[in-house]
Amino acid sequence: MYAIVTTGGKQYKVEKDTIIKVEKLDVNVGDNITLDVMLISDNGTVKVGKDIDKAVVKAEVLAQDKAKKINIFKYKAKKNIRKRQGHRQPFTAIKITSIEA
């Protein structure tokens, strides 16, 4: 059984006990959250729309962290123009605890 959930403007395919990194959520570590369900597939039968009005995907927040640093380096050849910038995207790691159809 798997589900397609939406969070942070993105869609994720999840199964029970999977750990995913999603866009940063305003929750504390250890909290339980519910995710918006778009689709549920159970042994080949797919449920969407009104069939999943009561469907719930529950998850536990494992960590609030930042991803690995990305270095952005821009330059113009022969002009002595150089610009260095770094970025670390914040994320929330969650573990799917249950999928209820």
C-alpha atoms as a PDB file:
ATOM      1  CA  MET A   1       0.000   0.000   0.000  1.00  0.00           C
ATOM      2  CA  TYR A   2       1.285   3.437  -0.912  1.00  0.00           C
ATOM      3  CA  ALA A   3      -0.064   6.969  -1.069  1.00  0.00           C
ATOM      4  CA  ILE A   4       0.708  10.186  -2.899  1.00  0.00           C
ATOM      5  CA  VAL A   5       0.772  13.100  -0.451  1.00  0.00           C
ATOM      6  CA  THR A   6       1.209  16.841  -0.928  1.00  0.00           C
ATOM      7  CA  THR A   7       3.266  19.142   1.279  1.00  0.00           C
ATOM      8  CA  GLY A   8       5.262  22.258   0.569  1.00  0.00           C
ATOM      9  CA  GLY A   9       3.923  22.475  -2.981  1.00  0.00           C
ATOM     10  CA  LYS A  10       5.427  19.100  -3.890  1.00  0.00           C
ATOM     11  CA  GLN A  11       4.084  15.568  -4.170  1.00  0.00           C
ATOM     12  CA  TYR A  12       5.696  12.520  -2.586  1.00  0.00           C
ATOM     13  CA  LYS A  13       5.067   8.793  -2.978  1.00  0.00           C
ATOM     14  CA  VAL A  14       5.139   7.304   0.524  1.00  0.00           C
ATOM     15  CA  GLU A  15       4.744   3.917   2.156  1.00  0.00           C
ATOM     16  CA  LYS A  16       4.610   2.968   5.811  1.00  0.00           C
ATOM     17  CA  ASP A  17       7.928   3.479   7.671  1.00  0.00           C
ATOM     18  CA  THR A  18       9.548   5.543   4.898  1.00  0.00           C
ATOM     19  CA  ILE A  19      11.556   8.624   5.819  1.00  0.00           C
ATOM     20  CA  ILE A  20      11.297  11.642   3.528  1.00  0.00           C
ATOM     21  CA  LYS A  21      12.729  15.151   3.586  1.00  0.00           C
ATOM     22  CA  VAL A  22      10.100  17.803   2.871  1.00  0.00           C
ATOM     23  CA  GLU A  23      10.126  21.590   2.755  1.00  0.00           C
ATOM     24  CA  LYS A  24      10.489  23.096   6.224  1.00  0.00           C
ATOM     25  CA  LEU A  25       7.345  22.788   8.355  1.00  0.00           C
ATOM     26  CA  ASP A  26       6.563  24.863  11.441  1.00  0.00           C
ATOM     27  CA  VAL A  27       6.438  21.904  13.867  1.00  0.00           C
ATOM     28  CA  ASN A  28       8.607  20.585  16.679  1.00  0.00           C
ATOM     29  CA  VAL A  29      10.696  17.418  16.650  1.00  0.00           C
ATOM     30  CA  GLY A  30       8.625  14.494  17.951  1.00  0.00           C
ATOM     31  CA  ASP A  31       5.267  15.958  16.907  1.00  0.00           C
ATOM     32  CA  ASN A  32       2.771  13.902  14.911  1.00  0.00           C
ATOM     33  CA  ILE A  33       1.319  15.480  11.772  1.00  0.00           C
ATOM     34  CA  THR A  34      -1.216  14.537   9.112  1.00  0.00           C
ATOM     35  CA  LEU A  35      -0.527  15.046   5.410  1.00  0.00           C
ATOM     36  CA  ASP A  36      -2.872  15.898   2.527  1.00  0.00           C
ATOM     37  CA  VAL A  37      -3.687  12.742   0.542  1.00  0.00           C
ATOM     38  CA  MET A  38      -4.104  12.852  -3.247  1.00  0.00           C
ATOM     39  CA  LEU A  39      -4.111   9.148  -4.137  1.00  0.00           C
ATOM     40  CA  ILE A  40      -4.052   5.778  -2.402  1.00  0.00           C
ATOM     41  CA  SER A  41      -3.137   2.496  -4.056  1.00  0.00           C
ATOM     42  CA  ASP A  42      -3.933  -0.725  -2.206  1.00  0.00           C
ATOM     43  CA  ASN A  43      -3.038  -4.000  -3.967  1.00  0.00           C
ATOM     44  CA  GLY A  44      -3.591  -2.524  -7.426  1.00  0.00           C
ATOM     45  CA  THR A  45      -6.831  -0.678  -6.655  1.00  0.00           C
ATOM     46  CA  VAL A  46      -6.403   3.078  -6.970  1.00  0.00           C
ATOM     47  CA  LYS A  47      -8.577   5.505  -5.019  1.00  0.00           C
ATOM     48  CA  VAL A  48      -8.773   9.225  -5.845  1.00  0.00           C
ATOM     49  CA  GLY A  49     -11.253  12.088  -5.462  1.00  0.00           C
ATOM     50  CA  LYS A  50     -14.236  11.423  -3.209  1.00  0.00           C
ATOM     51  CA  ASP A  51     -13.021   7.888  -2.463  1.00  0.00           C
ATOM     52  CA  ILE A  52     -10.251   9.296  -0.245  1.00  0.00           C
ATOM     53  CA  ASP A  53     -12.182  11.951   1.703  1.00  0.00           C
ATOM     54  CA  LYS A  54     -11.609   9.993   4.924  1.00  0.00           C
ATOM     55  CA  ALA A  55      -8.063   8.872   4.077  1.00  0.00           C
ATOM     56  CA  VAL A  56      -5.341   9.926   6.503  1.00  0.00           C
ATOM     57  CA  VAL A  57      -1.568   9.705   6.293  1.00  0.00           C
ATOM     58  CA  LYS A  58       0.086  10.234   9.681  1.00  0.00           C
ATOM     59  CA  ALA A  59       3.756  11.071  10.129  1.00  0.00           C
ATOM     60  CA  GLU A  60       6.193  11.753  12.946  1.00  0.00           C
ATOM     61  CA  VAL A  61       8.702  14.614  12.764  1.00  0.00           C
ATOM     62  CA  LEU A  62      12.253  13.281  13.136  1.00  0.00           C
ATOM     63  CA  ALA A  63      14.423  16.360  12.545  1.00  0.00           C
ATOM     64  CA  GLN A  64      14.581  20.011  11.523  1.00  0.00           C
ATOM     65  CA  ASP A  65      17.830  20.564   9.653  1.00  0.00           C
ATOM     66  CA  LYS A  66      19.566  22.160   6.676  1.00  0.00           C
ATOM     67  CA  ALA A  67      20.735  20.390   3.533  1.00  0.00           C
ATOM     68  CA  LYS A  68      24.306  20.254   2.307  1.00  0.00           C
ATOM     69  CA  LYS A  69      25.745  23.613   1.212  1.00  0.00           C
ATOM     70  CA  ILE A  70      25.507  24.531  -2.447  1.00  0.00           C
ATOM     71  CA  ASN A  71      28.160  26.934  -3.726  1.00  0.00           C
ATOM     72  CA  ILE A  72      27.144  29.399  -6.405  1.00  0.00           C
ATOM     73  CA  PHE A  73      30.059  31.019  -8.200  1.00  0.00           C
ATOM     74  CA  LYS A  74      29.528  33.527 -10.978  1.00  0.00           C
ATOM     75  CA  TYR A  75      32.247  35.250 -12.924  1.00  0.00           C
ATOM     76  CA  LYS A  76      32.828  37.152 -16.130  1.00  0.00           C
ATOM     77  CA  ALA A  77      35.881  36.140 -18.085  1.00  0.00           C
ATOM     78  CA  LYS A  78      38.607  38.745 -18.524  1.00  0.00           C
ATOM     79  CA  LYS A  79      36.716  41.312 -16.405  1.00  0.00           C
ATOM     80  CA  ASN A  80      37.928  40.482 -12.854  1.00  0.00           C
ATOM     81  CA  ILE A  81      34.291  40.121 -11.741  1.00  0.00           C
ATOM     82  CA  ARG A  82      33.674  37.269  -9.320  1.00  0.00           C
ATOM     83  CA  LYS A  83      30.715  36.608  -7.038  1.00  0.00           C
ATOM     84  CA  ARG A  84      30.539  33.733  -4.559  1.00  0.00           C
ATOM     85  CA  GLN A  85      27.360  32.804  -2.751  1.00  0.00           C
ATOM     86  CA  GLY A  86      26.322  29.771  -0.697  1.00  0.00           C
ATOM     87  CA  HIS A  87      22.931  28.338   0.198  1.00  0.00           C
ATOM     88  CA  ARG A  88      21.663  25.687   2.622  1.00  0.00           C
ATOM     89  CA  GLN A  89      18.009  24.753   2.095  1.00  0.00           C
ATOM     90  CA  PRO A  90      16.141  24.032   5.355  1.00  0.00           C
ATOM     91  CA  PHE A  91      14.088  20.825   5.499  1.00  0.00           C
ATOM     92  CA  THR A  92      11.999  18.702   7.846  1.00  0.00           C
ATOM     93  CA  ALA A  93      12.632  14.947   8.006  1.00  0.00           C
ATOM     94  CA  ILE A  94       9.455  12.953   8.645  1.00  0.00           C
ATOM     95  CA  LYS A  95       8.693   9.246   9.047  1.00  0.00           C
ATOM     96  CA  ILE A  96       5.374   7.883   7.791  1.00  0.00           C
ATOM     97  CA  THR A  97       3.739   6.003  10.652  1.00  0.00           C
ATOM     98  CA  SER A  98       0.419   4.959   9.108  1.00  0.00           C
ATOM     99  CA  ILE A  99      -1.724   5.113   5.971  1.00  0.00           C
ATOM    100  CA  GLU A 100      -5.444   4.730   6.635  1.00  0.00           C
ATOM    101  CA  ALA A 101      -7.815   4.522   3.693  1.00  0.00           C
END
